[in-house]
């Protein structure tokens, strides 16, 4: 008798074990959100496509994927929540604030070019009050400063050399707000004898998807995939330094957005430290590090854990002599992309981050490291500490 495959996406597979409830960062800090079991498979049994949404609390899901990681039945809880949230927001309508937060790539180049003026405004108390009053962007949240030149501009004047080629999907934030992360990525890859190339690319679309805008996110994916396909079909693999961008392209493009060719792209797309770990396993990683007497703490972002590749940054950084590195035992940082910028969600975001702040305080590091730009923003906001991408420390261990 032929057995049919178990329907893993069926909400009825949920055995109500409540493991997801135990790890949900939102339901832990506010009674407004009933938790992933109720919001996902529980409510899904009663949702009908033709009926209006009746659960406004679905918009409180932060999209951390922790519920997916602990579900013993393999129910894609976060996807059920996201689809329900998209329907709710489509019916309710999205404010101008959400459009601005998810389309920052449209004006980030101008903001970077006039970075002195832009950054003055972003720090100005009056500007923050206006953004709070008229856009509901919480005035207590520090807005990330812009940099000039951009990473892309720096790269145009940089001559990359190496025996092999590697392509880099750097992402919007690295381009205009943290260009040194992109610069460090290029320098580390070149130190391992790779010539770095930048394929044409747009925003990955994750901010839109996180706000339930499937149409906008798919539009970005349909632009990116042909560029990336052309790159890998020329024999060049692609790496990413943002775990959020990487998860979006490697997982959501195919599973949620059904973008043609995205599965082929996913097979040739690697997290930066995953790629470096593969080099080490093959005996090809440059490990001529200098002594680096520094005490650091590492935080693994939610999207990295969802990739299921372990903690490759820790594996590589522990090769650096004299570097004291501790793994931070905490879950979601609480920012959740655009979630923590919104006035109605700021307090929830900060409450979620308290466990992470306490864990960092216990370790008392000089610097905190994390692969996600959102986590870096949140940890700076929570602790006031210097927070870097792990690749910046690795670069410095070669170039000290």
Protein backbone atom coordinates (compact mmCIF):
# COMPACT_ATOMS: atom_id res chain seq x y z
CA UNK A 1 0.00 0.00 0.00
CA UNK A 2 1.45 3.31 -1.07
CA UNK A 3 1.69 5.79 1.75
CA UNK A 4 0.91 9.42 1.01
CA UNK A 5 3.44 12.01 2.25
CA UNK A 6 2.44 13.61 5.52
CA UNK A 7 0.84 17.05 4.84
CA UNK A 8 3.36 19.18 6.70
CA UNK A 9 1.69 22.47 5.70
CA UNK A 10 -1.69 21.41 7.03
CA UNK A 11 -2.55 23.27 10.26
CA UNK A 12 -4.37 20.17 11.51
CA UNK A 13 -0.97 18.49 11.89
CA UNK A 14 -0.45 20.73 14.93
CA UNK A 15 -0.54 18.55 18.06
CA UNK A 16 -1.07 21.54 20.39
CA UNK A 17 2.12 20.86 22.31
CA UNK A 18 2.56 24.61 22.91
CA UNK A 19 6.32 24.52 22.26
CA UNK A 20 5.85 27.53 19.98
CA UNK A 21 4.11 29.41 22.79
CA UNK A 22 7.14 28.90 25.02
CA UNK A 23 9.51 30.62 22.57
CA UNK A 24 7.27 33.35 21.12
CA UNK A 25 8.89 36.67 22.09
CA UNK A 26 5.71 38.72 21.54
CA UNK A 27 3.18 36.70 23.54
CA UNK A 28 5.74 36.51 26.34
CA UNK A 29 5.67 40.30 26.85
CA UNK A 30 2.11 41.33 25.91
CA UNK A 31 -1.35 39.80 26.34
CA UNK A 32 -2.44 41.52 23.11
CA UNK A 33 -0.99 38.68 21.02
CA UNK A 34 -2.45 35.23 21.78
CA UNK A 35 0.67 33.43 20.58
CA UNK A 36 1.69 31.43 17.50
CA UNK A 37 -0.39 28.33 18.29
CA UNK A 38 -3.61 30.33 18.39
CA UNK A 39 -2.64 32.86 15.70
CA UNK A 40 -1.28 30.21 13.32
CA UNK A 41 -2.77 26.71 13.13
CA UNK A 42 -5.50 27.44 15.70
CA UNK A 43 -7.03 30.38 13.84
CA UNK A 44 -6.22 28.94 10.40
CA UNK A 45 -8.84 26.23 10.87
CA UNK A 46 -11.54 28.91 10.90
CA UNK A 47 -10.20 31.29 8.26
CA UNK A 48 -11.99 31.41 4.93
CA UNK A 49 -10.62 33.30 1.95
CA UNK A 50 -13.93 34.98 1.21
CA UNK A 51 -14.52 36.13 4.80
CA UNK A 52 -13.12 39.41 6.18
CA UNK A 53 -10.26 39.27 8.67
CA UNK A 54 -11.41 39.46 12.27
CA UNK A 55 -8.09 39.18 14.12
CA UNK A 56 -6.25 42.55 14.25
CA UNK A 57 -3.74 41.05 16.70
CA UNK A 58 -2.21 39.09 13.80
CA UNK A 59 -0.26 42.24 12.94
CA UNK A 60 1.71 41.83 16.18
CA UNK A 61 3.60 38.77 14.91
CA UNK A 62 7.23 39.89 14.69
CA UNK A 63 8.21 37.28 12.09
CA UNK A 64 11.15 35.82 14.01
CA UNK A 65 10.50 32.19 12.85
CA UNK A 66 11.31 30.84 16.31
CA UNK A 67 7.96 29.03 16.33
CA UNK A 68 8.92 27.20 13.13
CA UNK A 69 12.22 26.07 14.62
CA UNK A 70 10.62 24.35 17.62
CA UNK A 71 7.50 22.89 15.96
CA UNK A 72 7.85 19.10 16.17
CA UNK A 73 5.13 18.62 13.55
CA UNK A 74 6.71 20.84 10.92
CA UNK A 75 3.81 23.30 10.68
CA UNK A 76 5.00 26.53 8.94
CA UNK A 77 3.45 28.70 11.65
CA UNK A 78 5.16 31.95 10.67
CA UNK A 79 3.97 31.54 7.08
CA UNK A 80 0.38 31.03 8.20
CA UNK A 81 0.68 34.18 10.30
CA UNK A 82 2.25 36.17 7.46
CA UNK A 83 -0.42 35.20 4.94
CA UNK A 84 -3.17 36.06 7.42
CA UNK A 85 -1.46 39.38 8.24
CA UNK A 86 -1.18 40.24 4.54
CA UNK A 87 -4.91 39.68 4.09
CA UNK A 88 -5.70 41.76 7.18
CA UNK A 89 -3.50 44.67 6.02
CA UNK A 90 -4.87 44.49 2.47
CA UNK A 91 -8.36 44.96 3.89
CA UNK A 92 -7.43 47.52 6.54
CA UNK A 93 -5.07 49.54 4.36
CA UNK A 94 -1.47 50.52 5.05
CA UNK A 95 -0.44 53.96 6.32
CA UNK A 96 2.11 56.22 4.60
CA UNK A 97 4.52 55.29 7.39
CA UNK A 98 4.62 51.67 6.29
CA UNK A 99 5.22 52.66 2.66
CA UNK A 100 8.16 54.88 3.68
CA UNK A 101 9.72 52.20 5.86
CA UNK A 102 9.46 49.53 3.16
CA UNK A 103 10.53 51.72 0.22
CA UNK A 104 13.58 53.41 1.76
CA UNK A 105 15.69 52.08 -1.14
CA UNK A 106 13.98 54.64 -3.41
CA UNK A 107 15.45 57.63 -1.57
CA UNK A 108 18.46 56.14 0.26
CA UNK A 109 20.85 57.20 -2.53
CA UNK A 110 19.81 60.85 -2.20
CA UNK A 111 19.89 60.58 1.60
CA UNK A 112 23.43 59.23 1.37
CA UNK A 113 24.58 61.93 -1.06
CA UNK A 114 23.34 64.62 1.35
CA UNK A 115 24.35 62.57 4.40
CA UNK A 116 25.45 65.59 6.47
CA UNK A 117 22.02 67.19 6.14
CA UNK A 118 20.15 63.87 6.37
CA UNK A 119 21.89 62.77 9.55
CA UNK A 120 21.35 66.18 11.17
CA UNK A 121 17.62 65.86 10.52
CA UNK A 122 17.45 62.25 11.72
CA UNK A 123 18.97 63.27 15.07
CA UNK A 124 17.01 66.51 15.39
CA UNK A 125 14.46 66.41 18.21
CA UNK A 126 11.90 68.49 16.30
CA UNK A 127 12.16 66.19 13.27
CA UNK A 128 11.64 63.15 15.51
CA UNK A 129 8.55 64.72 17.10
CA UNK A 130 7.10 65.42 13.64
CA UNK A 131 7.80 61.84 12.51
CA UNK A 132 6.19 60.59 15.72
CA UNK A 133 3.10 62.81 15.49
CA UNK A 134 2.37 62.51 11.77
CA UNK A 135 3.90 59.17 10.74
CA UNK A 136 3.81 57.20 14.03
CA UNK A 137 7.55 56.46 13.83
CA UNK A 138 8.45 56.41 17.51
CA UNK A 139 10.64 59.36 18.49
CA UNK A 140 12.57 57.23 20.99
CA UNK A 141 13.96 55.03 18.22
CA UNK A 142 17.33 56.12 16.81
CA UNK A 143 17.14 56.31 13.03
CA UNK A 144 20.20 54.83 11.27
CA UNK A 145 22.62 57.42 9.84
CA UNK A 146 23.59 57.47 6.18
CA UNK A 147 27.13 57.36 4.80
CA UNK A 148 28.85 58.90 1.83
CA UNK A 149 30.36 57.52 -0.33
CA UNK A 150 28.16 54.45 -0.60
CA UNK A 151 29.62 50.97 -0.76
CA UNK A 152 28.80 50.77 -4.46
CA UNK A 153 30.65 54.04 -5.10
CA UNK A 154 33.65 52.81 -3.11
CA UNK A 155 33.70 49.57 -5.09
CA UNK A 156 33.71 51.40 -8.43
CA UNK A 157 37.07 52.90 -7.49
CA UNK A 158 38.39 49.60 -6.13
CA UNK A 159 40.23 47.10 -8.30
CA UNK A 160 39.43 43.62 -7.03
CA UNK A 161 41.83 40.81 -7.95
CA UNK A 162 42.03 37.07 -7.34
CA UNK A 163 42.33 33.71 -9.07
CA UNK A 164 38.61 32.88 -8.72
CA UNK A 165 35.51 35.03 -8.96
CA UNK A 166 32.84 35.35 -6.30
CA UNK A 167 29.70 37.51 -6.50
CA UNK A 168 28.42 39.55 -3.59
CA UNK A 169 24.78 40.43 -2.81
CA UNK A 170 25.45 43.29 -0.40
CA UNK A 171 21.92 44.62 0.19
CA UNK A 172 20.50 48.13 0.61
CA UNK A 173 21.59 48.81 4.19
CA UNK A 174 25.25 47.94 3.62
CA UNK A 175 25.29 50.13 0.53
CA UNK A 176 24.15 53.34 2.22
CA UNK A 177 24.37 52.89 6.00
CA UNK A 178 27.21 50.49 6.86
CA UNK A 179 29.55 50.51 3.90
CA UNK A 180 32.49 49.26 5.99
CA UNK A 181 30.74 45.88 6.30
CA UNK A 182 30.75 45.60 2.51
CA UNK A 183 34.33 46.82 2.36
CA UNK A 184 35.44 44.28 4.98
CA UNK A 185 33.65 41.50 3.06
CA UNK A 186 35.52 42.37 -0.12
CA UNK A 187 38.86 42.56 1.71
CA UNK A 188 38.40 39.19 3.42
CA UNK A 189 37.42 37.48 0.17
CA UNK A 190 40.40 39.03 -1.60
CA UNK A 191 42.66 37.81 1.23
CA UNK A 192 41.46 34.34 0.24
CA UNK A 193 42.36 34.92 -3.41
CA UNK A 194 38.90 35.77 -4.75
CA UNK A 195 38.05 38.50 -7.20
CA UNK A 196 34.78 40.05 -6.04
CA UNK A 197 32.12 41.12 -8.51
CA UNK A 198 28.82 42.89 -7.82
CA UNK A 199 25.90 41.58 -9.89
CA UNK A 200 23.11 44.10 -10.64
CA UNK A 201 20.69 44.01 -7.71
CA UNK A 202 17.71 45.70 -6.13
CA UNK A 203 16.30 45.58 -2.59
CA UNK A 204 15.61 41.93 -1.75
CA UNK A 205 12.02 42.87 -0.82
CA UNK A 206 12.08 41.61 2.77
CA UNK A 207 10.76 44.86 4.32
CA UNK A 208 7.72 44.62 2.02
CA UNK A 209 7.15 40.95 2.74
CA UNK A 210 7.48 41.55 6.48
CA UNK A 211 4.66 44.09 6.17
CA UNK A 212 2.47 41.67 4.24
CA UNK A 213 3.05 43.27 0.84
CA UNK A 214 3.45 40.09 -1.23
CA UNK A 215 2.94 41.91 -4.54
CA UNK A 216 5.69 44.45 -3.86
CA UNK A 217 8.09 41.81 -2.54
CA UNK A 218 7.53 39.59 -5.57
CA UNK A 219 8.17 42.54 -7.87
CA UNK A 220 11.61 43.00 -6.29
CA UNK A 221 12.34 39.28 -6.50
CA UNK A 222 11.41 39.18 -10.18
CA UNK A 223 14.03 41.88 -10.78
CA UNK A 224 16.77 40.20 -8.75
CA UNK A 225 16.49 36.56 -9.81
CA UNK A 226 17.37 37.07 -13.53
CA UNK A 227 20.50 39.00 -12.52
CA UNK A 228 21.51 36.30 -10.04
CA UNK A 229 20.74 33.49 -12.46
CA UNK A 230 22.97 35.10 -15.09
CA UNK A 231 25.77 35.26 -12.52
CA UNK A 232 25.59 31.63 -11.37
CA UNK A 233 25.18 30.31 -14.91
CA UNK A 234 28.46 32.01 -15.76
CA UNK A 235 30.07 29.73 -13.15
CA UNK A 236 30.21 32.22 -10.25
CA UNK A 237 28.78 31.48 -6.79
CA UNK A 238 27.09 34.24 -4.75
CA UNK A 239 27.55 35.16 -1.10
CA UNK A 240 25.55 37.46 1.18
CA UNK A 241 26.58 39.21 4.40
CA UNK A 242 23.04 40.01 5.61
CA UNK A 243 21.28 36.94 6.98
CA UNK A 244 17.93 38.66 6.45
CA UNK A 245 18.56 39.25 2.74
CA UNK A 246 19.97 35.75 2.42
CA UNK A 247 16.98 34.06 4.03
CA UNK A 248 14.63 36.07 1.83
CA UNK A 249 16.35 35.00 -1.40
CA UNK A 250 17.14 31.45 -0.36
CA UNK A 251 13.77 30.61 1.15
CA UNK A 252 10.97 33.11 0.62
CA UNK A 253 11.55 33.73 -3.10
CA UNK A 254 10.59 30.15 -3.92
CA UNK A 255 8.35 29.04 -1.05
CA UNK A 256 6.23 32.16 -0.58
CA UNK A 257 6.62 34.22 -3.75
CA UNK A 258 6.92 31.43 -6.36
CA UNK A 259 9.56 33.28 -8.39
CA UNK A 260 10.79 31.27 -11.41
CA UNK A 261 14.46 30.29 -11.14
CA UNK A 262 14.72 31.10 -7.44
CA UNK A 263 15.38 27.48 -6.42
CA UNK A 264 18.37 27.36 -8.77
CA UNK A 265 19.65 30.60 -7.25
CA UNK A 266 19.24 29.20 -3.72
CA UNK A 267 21.53 26.27 -4.53
CA UNK A 268 24.39 28.65 -5.34
CA UNK A 269 23.79 31.29 -2.66
CA UNK A 270 25.82 31.14 0.57
CA UNK A 271 26.06 32.99 3.83
CA UNK A 272 29.46 34.70 3.97
CA UNK A 273 30.73 32.74 6.96
CA UNK A 274 29.16 29.54 5.68
CA UNK A 275 31.28 30.06 2.55
CA UNK A 276 34.42 30.73 4.62
CA UNK A 277 33.75 27.64 6.73
CA UNK A 278 33.50 25.58 3.54
CA UNK A 279 36.88 26.98 2.48
CA UNK A 280 38.37 25.96 5.81
CA UNK A 281 36.96 22.43 5.56
CA UNK A 282 38.61 22.12 2.14
CA UNK A 283 41.92 23.47 3.50
CA UNK A 284 41.69 26.69 1.45
CA UNK A 285 41.02 29.32 4.13
CA UNK A 286 43.74 31.86 4.85
CA UNK A 287 44.23 31.49 8.61
CA UNK A 288 47.28 33.73 9.04
CA UNK A 289 45.62 35.76 11.77
CA UNK A 290 47.45 38.12 14.09
CA UNK A 291 46.99 38.18 17.86
CA UNK A 292 43.72 39.95 18.67
CA UNK A 293 43.32 40.42 22.46
CA UNK A 294 39.68 41.49 22.60
CA UNK A 295 36.60 40.37 24.54
CA UNK A 296 33.54 40.10 22.30
CA UNK A 297 30.06 38.57 22.47
CA UNK A 298 28.26 37.07 19.48
CA UNK A 299 24.49 37.09 18.91
CA UNK A 300 22.96 34.75 16.31
CA UNK A 301 20.09 36.47 14.44
CA UNK A 302 16.73 34.75 13.98
CA UNK A 303 17.13 34.51 10.20
CA UNK A 304 20.54 32.84 10.60
CA UNK A 305 19.03 30.17 12.84
CA UNK A 306 16.23 29.67 10.32
CA UNK A 307 18.79 28.98 7.58
CA UNK A 308 19.77 25.81 9.44
CA UNK A 309 23.52 26.18 8.87
CA UNK A 310 24.66 26.33 12.48
CA UNK A 311 26.79 29.24 13.68
CA UNK A 312 29.53 29.54 11.03
CA UNK A 313 30.73 32.95 12.25
CA UNK A 314 31.56 31.48 15.65
CA UNK A 315 33.38 28.56 13.99
CA UNK A 316 35.63 30.95 12.08
CA UNK A 317 36.14 33.65 14.71
CA UNK A 318 37.32 31.07 17.23
CA UNK A 319 40.37 30.53 15.01
CA UNK A 320 41.68 34.03 15.85
CA UNK A 321 44.44 33.92 18.50
CA UNK A 322 43.68 35.71 21.80
CA UNK A 323 40.15 36.65 20.77
CA UNK A 324 37.75 35.94 23.66
CA UNK A 325 34.35 35.24 22.17
CA UNK A 326 31.17 34.16 23.94
CA UNK A 327 27.87 33.13 22.41
CA UNK A 328 24.96 35.19 23.76
CA UNK A 329 22.21 32.89 25.04
CA UNK A 330 19.14 34.89 24.05
CA UNK A 331 16.39 34.74 21.46
CA UNK A 332 14.90 37.51 19.28
CA UNK A 333 16.43 40.99 19.67
CA UNK A 334 12.98 42.56 19.31
CA UNK A 335 13.50 44.92 16.38
CA UNK A 336 11.84 42.68 13.78
CA UNK A 337 12.79 44.76 10.74
CA UNK A 338 10.37 47.71 10.67
CA UNK A 339 8.38 46.39 13.68
CA UNK A 340 10.42 48.26 16.30
CA UNK A 341 10.20 51.60 14.51
CA UNK A 342 6.41 51.76 14.75
CA UNK A 343 4.98 53.81 17.59
CA UNK A 344 2.34 51.25 18.53
CA UNK A 345 4.95 48.48 18.70
CA UNK A 346 8.01 50.22 20.13
CA UNK A 347 7.33 49.27 23.77
CA UNK A 348 6.79 45.63 22.78
CA UNK A 349 10.06 45.71 20.84
CA UNK A 350 11.95 47.06 23.84
CA UNK A 351 10.36 44.62 26.25
CA UNK A 352 11.40 41.70 24.01
CA UNK A 353 14.96 43.03 23.94
CA UNK A 354 15.34 43.09 27.73
CA UNK A 355 16.48 39.46 27.91
CA UNK A 356 19.13 40.10 25.27
CA UNK A 357 20.32 43.23 27.08
CA UNK A 358 20.57 41.32 30.37
CA UNK A 359 22.53 38.49 28.70
CA UNK A 360 24.98 41.00 27.20
CA UNK A 361 25.41 42.77 30.53
CA UNK A 362 26.28 39.45 32.19
CA UNK A 363 29.04 38.81 29.65
CA UNK A 364 30.32 42.41 29.81
CA UNK A 365 31.99 42.41 26.35
CA UNK A 366 33.95 45.24 24.78
CA UNK A 367 32.16 44.73 21.45
CA UNK A 368 29.05 42.82 20.35
CA UNK A 369 28.96 41.00 17.00
CA UNK A 370 25.95 39.95 14.94
CA UNK A 371 25.32 39.21 11.25
CA UNK A 372 22.01 41.12 10.97
CA UNK A 373 21.81 44.88 10.47
CA UNK A 374 18.52 45.05 12.37
CA UNK A 375 20.04 43.27 15.35
CA UNK A 376 23.02 45.64 15.26
CA UNK A 377 20.68 48.64 15.39
CA UNK A 378 18.67 47.17 18.26
CA UNK A 379 21.67 46.12 20.36
CA UNK A 380 23.22 49.58 20.01
CA UNK A 381 19.89 51.05 21.07
CA UNK A 382 19.53 48.69 24.04
CA UNK A 383 23.08 48.81 25.38
CA UNK A 384 24.99 51.76 23.90
CA UNK A 385 27.84 49.36 23.08
CA UNK A 386 29.83 49.19 19.87
CA UNK A 387 28.22 46.57 17.62
CA UNK A 388 29.86 45.21 14.46
CA UNK A 389 29.38 42.56 11.82
CA UNK A 390 31.69 39.56 12.51
CA UNK A 391 33.41 40.12 9.15
CA UNK A 392 34.82 43.42 10.41
CA UNK A 393 36.63 41.65 13.25
CA UNK A 394 37.88 38.94 10.88
CA UNK A 395 39.21 41.58 8.49
CA UNK A 396 40.98 43.38 11.34
CA UNK A 397 42.56 40.11 12.51
CA UNK A 398 44.39 39.95 9.17
CA UNK A 399 45.20 43.64 8.80
CA UNK A 400 46.17 44.73 12.32
